[in-house]
Amino acid sequence: MRDCCETNDILYTETSLTESYGIVVRYLNEVGLAAPGSFRLPDGGEPPLRV
């Protein structure tokens, strides 16, 4: 994978499984918080707001 990224001029980063999970969760929180009200629960209601 590293060679493929280097060949195609793509940034390649190694990290642990735990750290990668944290990166994904922080990203999803950031994206989700940027679009409040865009998510609906199956019953049609809105999720509680995070403070």
C-alpha atoms as a PDB file:
ATOM      1  CA  MET A   1       0.000   0.000   0.000  1.00  0.00           C
ATOM      2  CA  ARG A   2       2.799   2.398   0.869  1.00  0.00           C
ATOM      3  CA  ASP A   3       4.404   1.929  -2.556  1.00  0.00           C
ATOM      4  CA  CYS A   4       1.088   2.499  -4.332  1.00  0.00           C
ATOM      5  CA  CYS A   5       0.488   5.726  -2.396  1.00  0.00           C
ATOM      6  CA  GLU A   6       4.008   6.930  -3.106  1.00  0.00           C
ATOM      7  CA  THR A   7       3.657   6.144  -6.824  1.00  0.00           C
ATOM      8  CA  ASN A   8       0.396   8.128  -6.978  1.00  0.00           C
ATOM      9  CA  ASP A   9       1.627  10.993  -4.769  1.00  0.00           C
ATOM     10  CA  ILE A  10      -0.902  10.206  -2.020  1.00  0.00           C
ATOM     11  CA  LEU A  11      -0.102  10.909   1.632  1.00  0.00           C
ATOM     12  CA  TYR A  12       0.387   7.637   3.527  1.00  0.00           C
ATOM     13  CA  THR A  13       0.206   7.537   7.327  1.00  0.00           C
ATOM     14  CA  GLU A  14       0.511   4.624   9.726  1.00  0.00           C
ATOM     15  CA  THR A  15      -1.293   4.608  13.067  1.00  0.00           C
ATOM     16  CA  SER A  16      -2.599   2.130  15.609  1.00  0.00           C
ATOM     17  CA  LEU A  17      -6.061   0.625  15.442  1.00  0.00           C
ATOM     18  CA  THR A  18      -7.110   2.506  18.581  1.00  0.00           C
ATOM     19  CA  GLU A  19      -5.838   5.833  17.287  1.00  0.00           C
ATOM     20  CA  SER A  20      -7.503   5.322  13.889  1.00  0.00           C
ATOM     21  CA  TYR A  21     -10.825   4.652  15.648  1.00  0.00           C
ATOM     22  CA  GLY A  22     -10.450   7.939  17.531  1.00  0.00           C
ATOM     23  CA  ILE A  23      -9.667   9.804  14.302  1.00  0.00           C
ATOM     24  CA  VAL A  24     -12.812   8.446  12.638  1.00  0.00           C
ATOM     25  CA  VAL A  25     -15.047   9.196  15.652  1.00  0.00           C
ATOM     26  CA  ARG A  26     -13.740  12.781  15.928  1.00  0.00           C
ATOM     27  CA  TYR A  27     -14.285  13.312  12.186  1.00  0.00           C
ATOM     28  CA  LEU A  28     -17.821  11.941  12.291  1.00  0.00           C
ATOM     29  CA  ASN A  29     -18.641  14.132  15.294  1.00  0.00           C
ATOM     30  CA  GLU A  30     -17.261  17.196  13.514  1.00  0.00           C
ATOM     31  CA  VAL A  31     -19.224  16.504  10.326  1.00  0.00           C
ATOM     32  CA  GLY A  32     -22.385  15.606  12.235  1.00  0.00           C
ATOM     33  CA  LEU A  33     -22.248  18.691  14.433  1.00  0.00           C
ATOM     34  CA  ALA A  34     -21.800  20.883  11.358  1.00  0.00           C
ATOM     35  CA  ALA A  35     -25.211  19.812  10.046  1.00  0.00           C
ATOM     36  CA  PRO A  36     -27.628  19.871  13.009  1.00  0.00           C
ATOM     37  CA  GLY A  37     -31.133  18.714  12.269  1.00  0.00           C
ATOM     38  CA  SER A  38     -30.136  16.688   9.216  1.00  0.00           C
ATOM     39  CA  PHE A  39     -30.472  13.367  11.046  1.00  0.00           C
ATOM     40  CA  ARG A  40     -33.841  11.859  11.912  1.00  0.00           C
ATOM     41  CA  LEU A  41     -34.519   8.940  14.213  1.00  0.00           C
ATOM     42  CA  PRO A  42     -36.532   5.973  12.836  1.00  0.00           C
ATOM     43  CA  ASP A  43     -39.643   7.291  14.656  1.00  0.00           C
ATOM     44  CA  GLY A  44     -39.286  10.633  12.827  1.00  0.00           C
ATOM     45  CA  GLY A  45     -37.975  12.520  15.868  1.00  0.00           C
ATOM     46  CA  GLU A  46     -34.671  14.303  16.237  1.00  0.00           C
ATOM     47  CA  PRO A  47     -31.770  13.019  18.370  1.00  0.00           C
ATOM     48  CA  PRO A  48     -31.008  14.902  21.588  1.00  0.00           C
ATOM     49  CA  LEU A  49     -28.607  17.831  21.212  1.00  0.00           C
ATOM     50  CA  ARG A  50     -25.039  17.412  22.456  1.00  0.00           C
ATOM     51  CA  VAL A  51     -23.682  20.152  24.651  1.00  0.00           C
END
